[in-house]
C-alpha atoms as a PDB file:
ATOM      1  CA  MET A   1     -41.873  90.575   2.118  1.00  0.00           C
ATOM      2  CA  THR A   2     -38.808  91.181   4.142  1.00  0.00           C
ATOM      3  CA  ASP A   3     -40.663  91.252   7.449  1.00  0.00           C
ATOM      4  CA  GLN A   4     -42.625  88.354   6.519  1.00  0.00           C
ATOM      5  CA  LEU A   5     -39.525  86.324   5.547  1.00  0.00           C
ATOM      6  CA  THR A   6     -37.683  87.399   8.716  1.00  0.00           C
ATOM      7  CA  GLU A   7     -40.731  85.967  10.719  1.00  0.00           C
ATOM      8  CA  LEU A   8     -40.624  82.721   8.857  1.00  0.00           C
ATOM      9  CA  LEU A   9     -36.878  82.147   9.146  1.00  0.00           C
ATOM     10  CA  GLU A  10     -36.983  82.964  13.027  1.00  0.00           C
ATOM     11  CA  GLN A  11     -39.595  80.094  13.318  1.00  0.00           C
ATOM     12  CA  ARG A  12     -37.636  77.736  11.284  1.00  0.00           C
ATOM     13  CA  LEU A  13     -33.882  78.461  12.039  1.00  0.00           C
ATOM     14  CA  ALA A  14     -33.145  75.092  13.614  1.00  0.00           C
ATOM     15  CA  HIS A  15     -34.163  73.384  10.200  1.00  0.00           C
ATOM     16  CA  ASN A  16     -31.700  75.556   8.207  1.00  0.00           C
ATOM     17  CA  PRO A  17     -34.339  76.962   6.027  1.00  0.00           C
ATOM     18  CA  SER A  18     -33.678  77.358   2.250  1.00  0.00           C
ATOM     19  CA  LEU A  19     -34.882  79.654  -0.467  1.00  0.00           C
ATOM     20  CA  SER A  20     -36.951  76.755  -2.036  1.00  0.00           C
ATOM     21  CA  GLN A  21     -38.698  75.980   1.406  1.00  0.00           C
ATOM     22  CA  ALA A  22     -39.484  79.647   1.859  1.00  0.00           C
ATOM     23  CA  SER A  23     -41.042  80.114  -1.464  1.00  0.00           C
ATOM     24  CA  ALA A  24     -42.981  76.957  -1.082  1.00  0.00           C
ATOM     25  CA  ILE A  25     -44.423  78.288   2.171  1.00  0.00           C
ATOM     26  CA  PHE A  26     -45.278  81.676   0.575  1.00  0.00           C
ATOM     27  CA  GLY A  27     -46.743  79.835  -2.546  1.00  0.00           C
ATOM     28  CA  CYS A  28     -44.592  81.364  -5.061  1.00  0.00           C
ATOM     29  CA  SER A  29     -41.421  80.363  -7.088  1.00  0.00           C
ATOM     30  CA  GLN A  30     -38.049  81.014  -5.835  1.00  0.00           C
ATOM     31  CA  ARG A  31     -37.617  83.545  -8.763  1.00  0.00           C
ATOM     32  CA  VAL A  32     -40.795  85.450  -7.579  1.00  0.00           C
ATOM     33  CA  LEU A  33     -39.564  85.508  -3.962  1.00  0.00           C
ATOM     34  CA  GLN A  34     -36.006  86.759  -5.038  1.00  0.00           C
ATOM     35  CA  ARG A  35     -37.577  89.469  -7.245  1.00  0.00           C
ATOM     36  CA  LYS A  36     -39.812  90.669  -4.334  1.00  0.00           C
ATOM     37  CA  LEU A  37     -36.815  90.810  -1.930  1.00  0.00           C
ATOM     38  CA  LYS A  38     -34.687  92.637  -4.593  1.00  0.00           C
ATOM     39  CA  GLN A  39     -37.415  95.150  -4.779  1.00  0.00           C
ATOM     40  CA  GLU A  40     -36.718  95.919  -1.046  1.00  0.00           C
ATOM     41  CA  SER A  41     -32.887  95.821  -1.807  1.00  0.00           C
ATOM     42  CA  GLN A  42     -32.638  92.495   0.051  1.00  0.00           C
ATOM     43  CA  SER A  43     -31.600  88.875  -0.789  1.00  0.00           C
ATOM     44  CA  PHE A  44     -32.634  85.732   0.918  1.00  0.00           C
ATOM     45  CA  GLN A  45     -29.137  85.202   2.216  1.00  0.00           C
ATOM     46  CA  GLN A  46     -28.939  88.833   3.587  1.00  0.00           C
ATOM     47  CA  VAL A  47     -32.049  88.242   5.533  1.00  0.00           C
ATOM     48  CA  LEU A  48     -31.095  84.898   6.723  1.00  0.00           C
ATOM     49  CA  THR A  49     -27.665  86.133   7.965  1.00  0.00           C
ATOM     50  CA  ARG A  50     -29.303  89.097   9.716  1.00  0.00           C
ATOM     51  CA  VAL A  51     -31.836  86.720  11.615  1.00  0.00           C
ATOM     52  CA  ARG A  52     -29.147  84.213  12.553  1.00  0.00           C
ATOM     53  CA  LEU A  53     -26.727  86.975  13.828  1.00  0.00           C
ATOM     54  CA  ARG A  54     -29.573  88.731  15.906  1.00  0.00           C
ATOM     55  CA  LYS A  55     -30.462  85.398  17.365  1.00  0.00           C
ATOM     56  CA  ALA A  56     -26.981  84.415  18.104  1.00  0.00           C
ATOM     57  CA  CYS A  57     -26.230  87.580  20.001  1.00  0.00           C
ATOM     58  CA  ASP A  58     -29.428  87.187  21.916  1.00  0.00           C
ATOM     59  CA  TYR A  59     -28.676  83.556  22.836  1.00  0.00           C
ATOM     60  CA  LEU A  60     -25.073  84.468  23.828  1.00  0.00           C
ATOM     61  CA  LYS A  61     -26.157  87.504  25.839  1.00  0.00           C
ATOM     62  CA  TYR A  62     -29.307  86.155  27.718  1.00  0.00           C
ATOM     63  CA  SER A  63     -28.972  82.457  27.895  1.00  0.00           C
ATOM     64  CA  THR A  64     -26.593  79.868  29.461  1.00  0.00           C
ATOM     65  CA  MET A  65     -26.962  77.463  26.343  1.00  0.00           C
ATOM     66  CA  SER A  66     -23.655  75.857  25.163  1.00  0.00           C
ATOM     67  CA  LEU A  67     -22.200  76.964  21.861  1.00  0.00           C
ATOM     68  CA  MET A  68     -23.117  73.705  20.451  1.00  0.00           C
ATOM     69  CA  GLN A  69     -26.774  74.113  21.581  1.00  0.00           C
ATOM     70  CA  ILE A  70     -26.829  77.669  20.137  1.00  0.00           C
ATOM     71  CA  SER A  71     -25.277  76.436  16.677  1.00  0.00           C
ATOM     72  CA  GLN A  72     -27.872  73.799  16.545  1.00  0.00           C
ATOM     73  CA  ARG A  73     -30.810  76.245  17.128  1.00  0.00           C
ATOM     74  CA  LEU A  74     -29.463  78.484  14.475  1.00  0.00           C
ATOM     75  CA  GLY A  75     -29.367  75.586  11.769  1.00  0.00           C
ATOM     76  CA  PHE A  76     -25.630  75.079  11.612  1.00  0.00           C
ATOM     77  CA  ARG A  77     -24.610  71.331  11.416  1.00  0.00           C
ATOM     78  CA  GLU A  78     -21.352  71.938  13.029  1.00  0.00           C
ATOM     79  CA  GLN A  79     -20.217  74.264  15.912  1.00  0.00           C
ATOM     80  CA  SER A  80     -17.186  75.274  13.816  1.00  0.00           C
ATOM     81  CA  SER A  81     -19.490  76.583  11.013  1.00  0.00           C
ATOM     82  CA  PHE A  82     -21.366  78.681  13.568  1.00  0.00           C
ATOM     83  CA  ASN A  83     -17.804  79.945  14.895  1.00  0.00           C
ATOM     84  CA  HIS A  84     -16.797  80.793  11.491  1.00  0.00           C
ATOM     85  CA  PHE A  85     -20.015  82.534  10.690  1.00  0.00           C
ATOM     86  CA  PHE A  86     -20.009  84.644  13.874  1.00  0.00           C
ATOM     87  CA  VAL A  87     -16.395  85.639  13.645  1.00  0.00           C
ATOM     88  CA  GLY A  88     -17.024  86.659  10.013  1.00  0.00           C
ATOM     89  CA  GLN A  89     -19.912  88.847  10.975  1.00  0.00           C
ATOM     90  CA  MET A  90     -18.711  90.158  14.437  1.00  0.00           C
ATOM     91  CA  GLY A  91     -15.031  90.065  14.366  1.00  0.00           C
ATOM     92  CA  GLN A  92     -14.664  87.939  17.348  1.00  0.00           C
ATOM     93  CA  SER A  93     -15.506  84.496  18.547  1.00  0.00           C
ATOM     94  CA  PRO A  94     -18.965  83.709  20.032  1.00  0.00           C
ATOM     95  CA  ARG A  95     -17.174  82.900  23.399  1.00  0.00           C
ATOM     96  CA  ALA A  96     -15.445  86.263  23.406  1.00  0.00           C
ATOM     97  CA  TYR A  97     -18.578  88.060  22.588  1.00  0.00           C
ATOM     98  CA  ARG A  98     -20.342  86.313  25.461  1.00  0.00           C
ATOM     99  CA  GLN A  99     -17.533  87.114  27.900  1.00  0.00           C
ATOM    100  CA  GLN A 100     -17.460  90.818  26.702  1.00  0.00           C
ATOM    101  CA  THR A 101     -21.293  91.221  27.011  1.00  0.00           C
ATOM    102  CA  LYS A 102     -21.177  89.529  30.462  1.00  0.00           C
ATOM    103  CA  ALA A 103     -18.420  91.840  31.685  1.00  0.00           C
ATOM    104  CA  GLU A 104     -20.347  94.819  30.216  1.00  0.00           C
ATOM    105  CA  SER A 105     -23.547  93.890  32.111  1.00  0.00           C
ATOM    106  CA  GLN A 106     -21.704  93.301  35.425  1.00  0.00           C
ATOM    107  CA  SER A 107     -19.855  96.689  35.163  1.00  0.00           C
ATOM    108  CA  VAL A 108     -23.314  98.326  34.445  1.00  0.00           C
ATOM    109  CA  MET A 109     -24.799  96.585  37.532  1.00  0.00           C
ATOM    110  CA  GLN A 110     -21.860  97.618  39.731  1.00  0.00           C
ATOM    111  CA  ALA A 111     -22.160 101.357  38.673  1.00  0.00           C
ATOM    112  CA  GLU A 112     -25.873 101.331  39.787  1.00  0.00           C
END
């Protein structure tokens, strides 16, 4: 169930998917979806956080999108909400993460 939910969330991130929307798409109640996820030691929020964080890191590393564009693609209404989320998960701002990964990739290229 976690893999199916991950795939669904990746497709719908920009629309800020909810537990009720996901359960409707899977054709079950919210409680049934929560129970299935719990059997895999997961919760809807944990899966959503993991998907958002992975996508955020990818966008910051591999794209030139602005932080506002990234926050919208991840389903955040405000860039400040995205910043708060990212700092809470990664311990640094999205801008600092982007600069760090850019510097790391440049030093790898110079070493080659």
